[in-house]
Protein backbone atom coordinates (compact mmCIF):
# COMPACT_ATOMS: atom_id res chain seq x y z
CA UNK A 1 0.00 0.00 0.00
CA UNK A 2 1.34 3.40 -0.95
CA UNK A 3 2.08 5.87 1.83
CA UNK A 4 2.72 9.62 1.63
CA UNK A 5 6.00 10.90 3.04
CA UNK A 6 7.47 14.37 3.24
CA UNK A 7 10.61 13.77 1.22
CA UNK A 8 12.01 17.29 1.50
CA UNK A 9 11.19 20.76 2.80
CA UNK A 10 12.29 24.32 2.15
CA UNK A 11 11.48 27.86 3.14
CA UNK A 12 12.10 31.48 2.22
CA UNK A 13 11.78 34.65 4.28
CA UNK A 14 12.00 38.24 3.05
CA UNK A 15 15.18 40.08 4.01
CA UNK A 16 13.36 42.99 5.66
CA UNK A 17 13.24 42.52 9.43
CA UNK A 18 10.61 44.58 11.27
CA UNK A 19 11.18 44.75 15.02
CA UNK A 20 8.69 45.69 17.71
CA UNK A 21 10.55 48.96 18.11
CA UNK A 22 9.98 49.63 14.41
CA UNK A 23 6.26 49.13 14.92
CA UNK A 24 6.27 51.53 17.87
CA UNK A 25 7.15 54.27 15.39
CA UNK A 26 4.02 53.49 13.32
CA UNK A 27 1.46 53.03 16.11
CA UNK A 28 0.97 53.34 19.85
CA UNK A 29 2.68 50.15 20.99
CA UNK A 30 5.96 48.91 22.45
CA UNK A 31 8.11 45.82 22.65
CA UNK A 32 6.84 44.78 26.09
CA UNK A 33 3.16 45.02 25.05
CA UNK A 34 3.69 42.95 21.90
CA UNK A 35 5.84 40.25 23.51
CA UNK A 36 3.46 39.85 26.45
CA UNK A 37 0.44 39.32 24.19
CA UNK A 38 1.95 37.47 21.23
CA UNK A 39 5.49 36.32 22.03
CA UNK A 40 6.70 38.03 18.85
CA UNK A 41 9.97 40.01 18.91
CA UNK A 42 10.35 40.57 15.16
CA UNK A 43 8.85 39.55 11.85
CA UNK A 44 9.59 39.70 8.12
CA UNK A 45 7.79 41.99 5.69
CA UNK A 46 8.21 41.83 1.93
CA UNK A 47 10.01 44.46 -0.11
CA UNK A 48 7.80 45.76 -2.96
CA UNK A 49 9.45 45.24 -6.32
CA UNK A 50 11.63 42.46 -4.90
CA UNK A 51 9.37 39.89 -3.26
CA UNK A 52 6.14 38.42 -4.58
CA UNK A 53 4.13 35.47 -3.30
CA UNK A 54 5.30 33.58 -6.40
CA UNK A 55 9.00 34.44 -6.03
CA UNK A 56 9.03 33.50 -2.36
CA UNK A 57 7.24 30.23 -3.13
CA UNK A 58 9.69 29.49 -5.94
CA UNK A 59 12.69 29.90 -3.63
CA UNK A 60 11.10 27.67 -0.97
CA UNK A 61 10.14 25.09 -3.60
CA UNK A 62 13.61 24.89 -5.14
CA UNK A 63 15.02 24.23 -1.67
CA UNK A 64 12.37 21.57 -0.94
CA UNK A 65 12.94 19.78 -4.26
CA UNK A 66 16.70 19.78 -3.72
CA UNK A 67 16.30 18.39 -0.20
CA UNK A 68 13.96 15.70 -1.56
CA UNK A 69 16.76 14.55 -3.85
CA UNK A 70 14.68 14.68 -7.02
CA UNK A 71 14.68 16.69 -10.24
CA UNK A 72 12.16 19.50 -10.65
CA UNK A 73 10.61 17.66 -13.61
CA UNK A 74 9.70 14.80 -11.23
CA UNK A 75 6.99 17.00 -9.67
CA UNK A 76 3.67 15.95 -11.17
CA UNK A 77 1.21 18.17 -9.27
CA UNK A 78 1.22 21.45 -7.33
CA UNK A 79 -1.04 22.40 -4.43
CA UNK A 80 -0.64 26.04 -3.39
CA UNK A 81 -2.14 27.33 -0.14
CA UNK A 82 -2.49 31.10 0.15
CA UNK A 83 -5.10 33.78 0.86
CA UNK A 84 -2.86 36.54 -0.51
CA UNK A 85 -2.35 35.63 -4.18
CA UNK A 86 -0.39 37.86 -6.51
CA UNK A 87 -3.46 38.16 -8.76
CA UNK A 88 -7.19 38.17 -8.01
CA UNK A 89 -7.38 35.68 -10.93
CA UNK A 90 -5.69 33.28 -11.62
CA UNK A 91 -4.48 31.56 -8.47
CA UNK A 92 -0.83 31.28 -7.54
CA UNK A 93 -0.45 27.61 -8.44
CA UNK A 94 -0.10 28.29 -12.16
CA UNK A 95 2.27 31.20 -11.54
CA UNK A 96 4.58 28.94 -9.54
CA UNK A 97 4.23 26.23 -12.17
CA UNK A 98 5.42 28.70 -14.83
CA UNK A 99 8.40 29.80 -12.74
CA UNK A 100 9.48 26.20 -12.17
CA UNK A 101 9.10 25.25 -15.85
CA UNK A 102 6.43 22.66 -15.12
CA UNK A 103 3.86 23.69 -17.72
CA UNK A 104 1.23 21.03 -18.28
CA UNK A 105 0.94 19.53 -14.80
CA UNK A 106 -2.07 20.26 -12.60
CA UNK A 107 -2.03 23.17 -10.17
CA UNK A 108 -4.59 23.53 -7.39
CA UNK A 109 -5.13 26.53 -5.10
CA UNK A 110 -6.36 26.24 -1.49
CA UNK A 111 -7.82 29.24 0.37
CA UNK A 112 -8.16 27.94 3.92
CA UNK A 113 -5.96 30.62 5.46
CA UNK A 114 -4.05 29.43 8.54
CA UNK A 115 -5.24 25.84 8.06
CA UNK A 116 -4.47 25.96 4.35
CA UNK A 117 -1.23 24.02 4.41
CA UNK A 118 -2.67 21.06 6.32
CA UNK A 119 -5.72 21.03 4.06
CA UNK A 120 -3.35 21.02 1.07
CA UNK A 121 -1.23 18.26 2.60
CA UNK A 122 -4.36 16.17 3.21
CA UNK A 123 -5.35 16.54 -0.46
CA UNK A 124 -1.85 15.52 -1.53
CA UNK A 125 -2.02 12.49 0.75
CA UNK A 126 -5.23 11.28 -0.91
CA UNK A 127 -3.84 11.73 -4.42
CA UNK A 128 -0.70 9.79 -3.56
CA UNK A 129 -2.49 6.95 -1.76
CA UNK A 130 -4.68 6.38 -4.82
CA UNK A 131 -1.63 6.27 -7.06
CA UNK A 132 -2.66 9.29 -9.12
CA UNK A 133 0.57 11.22 -8.45
CA UNK A 134 4.05 10.34 -7.15
CA UNK A 135 5.61 13.69 -6.18
CA UNK A 136 3.38 16.59 -5.18
CA UNK A 137 4.74 20.03 -4.35
CA UNK A 138 2.73 21.44 -1.42
CA UNK A 139 3.29 25.15 -0.78
CA UNK A 140 2.17 27.74 1.75
CA UNK A 141 3.10 31.35 0.98
CA UNK A 142 1.73 34.70 2.07
CA UNK A 143 2.26 38.45 1.90
CA UNK A 144 0.07 39.71 4.73
CA UNK A 145 1.85 42.96 5.53
CA UNK A 146 0.26 44.82 2.61
CA UNK A 147 -3.22 44.08 4.03
CA UNK A 148 -2.48 45.40 7.51
CA UNK A 149 -3.83 48.63 8.94
CA UNK A 150 -0.56 49.96 10.36
CA UNK A 151 -1.96 52.45 12.85
CA UNK A 152 -3.56 52.42 16.29
CA UNK A 153 -6.87 51.14 14.95
CA UNK A 154 -5.29 48.06 13.39
CA UNK A 155 -2.67 47.47 16.07
CA UNK A 156 -3.99 44.13 17.34
CA UNK A 157 -3.46 42.43 13.97
CA UNK A 158 -0.64 44.58 12.56
CA UNK A 159 1.78 43.35 15.25
CA UNK A 160 1.04 39.69 14.49
CA UNK A 161 0.91 39.01 10.76
CA UNK A 162 3.91 38.74 8.47
CA UNK A 163 5.27 37.38 5.19
CA UNK A 164 7.10 34.23 4.08
CA UNK A 165 6.91 30.93 2.21
CA UNK A 166 7.42 27.26 2.92
CA UNK A 167 7.17 24.15 0.76
CA UNK A 168 7.39 20.38 1.02
CA UNK A 169 7.61 17.57 -1.50
CA UNK A 170 5.03 14.92 -0.65
CA UNK A 171 6.11 11.65 -2.27
CA UNK A 172 4.83 8.10 -2.63
CA UNK A 173 6.56 5.43 -0.57
CA UNK A 174 6.05 1.71 0.04
CA UNK A 175 7.78 1.89 3.43
CA UNK A 176 5.08 0.80 5.89
CA UNK A 177 7.04 2.31 8.78
CA UNK A 178 6.87 5.86 7.44
CA UNK A 179 4.35 8.35 6.15
CA UNK A 180 1.21 10.31 6.93
CA UNK A 181 -0.95 8.27 9.29
CA UNK A 182 -4.08 10.44 9.16
CA UNK A 183 -5.37 13.95 8.57
CA UNK A 184 -8.38 15.62 10.18
CA UNK A 185 -10.18 18.63 8.71
CA UNK A 186 -12.91 20.81 10.25
CA UNK A 187 -14.60 24.18 9.75
CA UNK A 188 -17.38 26.36 11.19
CA UNK A 189 -18.54 29.19 8.94
CA UNK A 190 -20.61 30.76 11.70
CA UNK A 191 -17.47 32.68 12.67
CA UNK A 192 -16.33 33.73 9.20
CA UNK A 193 -16.42 37.45 9.97
CA UNK A 194 -14.41 37.16 13.18
CA UNK A 195 -11.20 36.99 11.13
CA UNK A 196 -11.45 38.16 7.54
CA UNK A 197 -10.68 40.67 4.80
CA UNK A 198 -14.03 41.83 3.40
CA UNK A 199 -12.98 43.38 0.11
CA UNK A 200 -12.54 43.18 -2.79
CA UNK A 201 -15.61 40.95 -3.08
CA UNK A 202 -17.46 40.03 -6.26
CA UNK A 203 -20.92 40.54 -4.70
CA UNK A 204 -20.43 44.32 -4.45
CA UNK A 205 -21.92 46.60 -7.12
CA UNK A 206 -18.33 47.39 -8.04
CA UNK A 207 -15.29 45.51 -6.79
CA UNK A 208 -13.20 48.61 -6.33
CA UNK A 209 -14.26 52.15 -5.45
CA UNK A 210 -12.96 55.13 -3.53
CA UNK A 211 -15.70 54.56 -0.97
CA UNK A 212 -14.58 50.98 -0.35
CA UNK A 213 -10.96 52.05 -0.02
CA UNK A 214 -11.82 54.79 2.48
CA UNK A 215 -13.95 52.36 4.51
CA UNK A 216 -10.90 50.27 5.38
CA UNK A 217 -12.63 47.05 4.27
CA UNK A 218 -9.49 46.05 2.38
CA UNK A 219 -7.61 45.67 5.67
CA UNK A 220 -7.53 42.56 7.82
CA UNK A 221 -10.19 42.53 10.55
CA UNK A 222 -9.81 40.27 13.58
CA UNK A 223 -11.75 39.77 16.80
CA UNK A 224 -8.74 38.71 18.84
CA UNK A 225 -10.59 37.52 21.94
CA UNK A 226 -12.99 35.32 19.99
CA UNK A 227 -10.19 33.86 17.89
CA UNK A 228 -8.12 33.05 20.98
CA UNK A 229 -11.00 31.36 22.82
CA UNK A 230 -11.86 29.12 19.88
CA UNK A 231 -8.23 28.43 18.95
CA UNK A 232 -7.23 26.98 22.32
CA UNK A 233 -10.29 24.70 22.23
CA UNK A 234 -10.05 23.51 18.63
CA UNK A 235 -6.28 23.06 18.64
CA UNK A 236 -6.47 20.61 21.52
CA UNK A 237 -9.50 18.81 20.08
CA UNK A 238 -8.02 18.22 16.66
CA UNK A 239 -4.65 17.07 18.04
CA UNK A 240 -6.39 14.60 20.35
CA UNK A 241 -8.53 13.42 17.43
CA UNK A 242 -5.37 12.49 15.53
CA UNK A 243 -3.89 10.72 18.56
CA UNK A 244 -7.05 8.69 19.21
CA UNK A 245 -7.36 7.74 15.54
CA UNK A 246 -3.89 6.20 15.68
CA UNK A 247 -4.06 4.76 19.21
CA UNK A 248 -1.22 6.87 20.61
CA UNK A 249 -0.94 9.40 23.44
CA UNK A 250 0.47 12.90 23.73
CA UNK A 251 3.58 11.54 25.45
CA UNK A 252 4.33 9.59 22.26
CA UNK A 253 4.64 12.76 20.17
CA UNK A 254 8.27 13.51 19.32
CA UNK A 255 7.45 16.91 17.87
CA UNK A 256 4.29 19.00 17.68
CA UNK A 257 4.44 21.73 15.05
CA UNK A 258 1.48 24.05 15.63
CA UNK A 259 0.46 26.85 13.33
CA UNK A 260 2.35 29.89 14.60
CA UNK A 261 -0.67 32.04 15.47
CA UNK A 262 0.35 33.32 18.88
CA UNK A 263 2.99 32.00 21.27
CA UNK A 264 0.45 32.20 24.11
CA UNK A 265 -1.82 29.77 22.25
CA UNK A 266 1.02 27.31 21.61
CA UNK A 267 2.13 27.46 25.23
CA UNK A 268 -1.42 26.99 26.48
CA UNK A 269 -1.84 23.86 24.32
CA UNK A 270 1.57 22.57 25.41
CA UNK A 271 0.61 22.97 29.06
CA UNK A 272 -2.85 21.39 28.65
CA UNK A 273 -1.39 18.38 26.87
CA UNK A 274 1.53 17.98 29.25
CA UNK A 275 4.19 18.35 26.57
CA UNK A 276 7.83 19.20 27.28
CA UNK A 277 9.54 22.14 25.59
CA UNK A 278 11.50 19.75 23.37
CA UNK A 279 8.23 18.26 22.09
CA UNK A 280 6.95 21.55 20.64
CA UNK A 281 8.47 23.70 17.88
CA UNK A 282 7.91 27.47 17.87
CA UNK A 283 9.49 30.16 15.72
CA UNK A 284 6.80 32.85 15.85
CA UNK A 285 9.19 34.91 18.00
CA UNK A 286 11.25 35.68 14.90
CA UNK A 287 8.79 35.48 12.00
CA UNK A 288 5.31 36.38 13.26
CA UNK A 289 2.20 34.72 11.86
CA UNK A 290 2.70 33.94 8.16
CA UNK A 291 -0.71 32.24 7.85
CA UNK A 292 -0.50 29.23 5.49
CA UNK A 293 3.30 29.44 5.46
CA UNK A 294 3.95 28.95 9.18
CA UNK A 295 3.86 25.15 9.28
CA UNK A 296 6.01 24.42 6.19
CA UNK A 297 8.53 27.05 7.34
CA UNK A 298 8.61 25.35 10.75
CA UNK A 299 9.00 21.89 9.19
CA UNK A 300 11.95 23.13 7.14
CA UNK A 301 13.62 24.76 10.14
CA UNK A 302 12.95 21.72 12.34
CA UNK A 303 14.80 19.54 9.85
CA UNK A 304 17.67 22.03 9.63
CA UNK A 305 17.97 22.02 13.42
CA UNK A 306 17.75 18.20 13.64
CA UNK A 307 14.55 18.48 15.67
CA UNK A 308 13.00 15.81 13.42
CA UNK A 309 14.66 12.43 12.92
CA UNK A 310 13.67 9.34 10.97
CA UNK A 311 11.04 7.38 12.86
CA UNK A 312 9.79 10.37 14.88
CA UNK A 313 6.07 10.82 15.46
CA UNK A 314 5.28 14.33 14.22
CA UNK A 315 1.97 16.14 14.66
CA UNK A 316 0.91 19.23 12.71
CA UNK A 317 -2.04 21.31 13.86
CA UNK A 318 -3.63 24.59 12.77
CA UNK A 319 -6.54 26.91 13.46
CA UNK A 320 -7.56 30.08 11.71
CA UNK A 321 -9.96 32.09 9.57
CA UNK A 322 -13.14 30.34 8.53
CA UNK A 323 -13.05 29.28 11.29
CA UNK A 324 -11.20 26.20 10.05
CA UNK A 325 -8.89 23.84 11.89
CA UNK A 326 -6.94 20.71 11.03
CA UNK A 327 -4.28 18.24 12.10
CA UNK A 328 -1.99 15.65 10.55
CA UNK A 329 -0.07 12.87 12.27
CA UNK A 330 2.87 11.24 10.56
CA UNK A 331 5.72 8.83 11.14
CA UNK A 332 8.79 10.53 9.73
């Protein structure tokens, strides 16, 4: 029976580092306030004219393909998770395909925000298990900084979100001791407007107008308290769902890689599940919340730092806009 393994991972981060002190010059905030509420010390923001969602994804993908030990032409499908595409139409999958010289293969876009990468990985897993594809490039990439309201009104979200890209090569394997064991996907649209960007939307009389621009509806809107309360509940639920499905316990996890939404959320989940520091990977302190890119960036860095070894039980979990949440459990 075919299994899906992550054969290689890569990531890319913009060169521009934005510290908390930098933000204090844009809005009424300070380093202590930001660290206490989010755990973030600095983040990366793109440089206009240099970085695009596509270029960042390309750099991460080249690294992932190299680390997988395959040729680029061996990729037979692309799944691209992002809510900040370079174009309104088409999606970013075909743009990345063009940059990698893979014209002709399928390219699918996933818009599940912070859960997007795990949703994309779950889709790749199904394609591989059925034998349809052998090497799928799964990407999460975002430029969030251009959608932020960088003043006092938008402070709660402006200090959190950031830019970056991560990618993995999901490959077919006959090794019964490795691979994705299960994925678990959930959503609740009742809370869609608690974390969203309203415009541009096709159901308006016009998609773009001066009135819409002045309304601020193009900026990210987040009800932080509601998001936090649901995140700590759903994170734990979906991780435990994966553990129960595979008859293992939290103590068996070698590494939990949560979506980097807020360090307080990760630490709360770690405490509730009785996990040691070495069982949880966090890098939000340096990169902020890069939405669909956080988990693949963290996977890539975990491998670089030897935090993941062959045979390890690795759990991925995410929660975000939608609301949507997901988990994946795998034997590395």
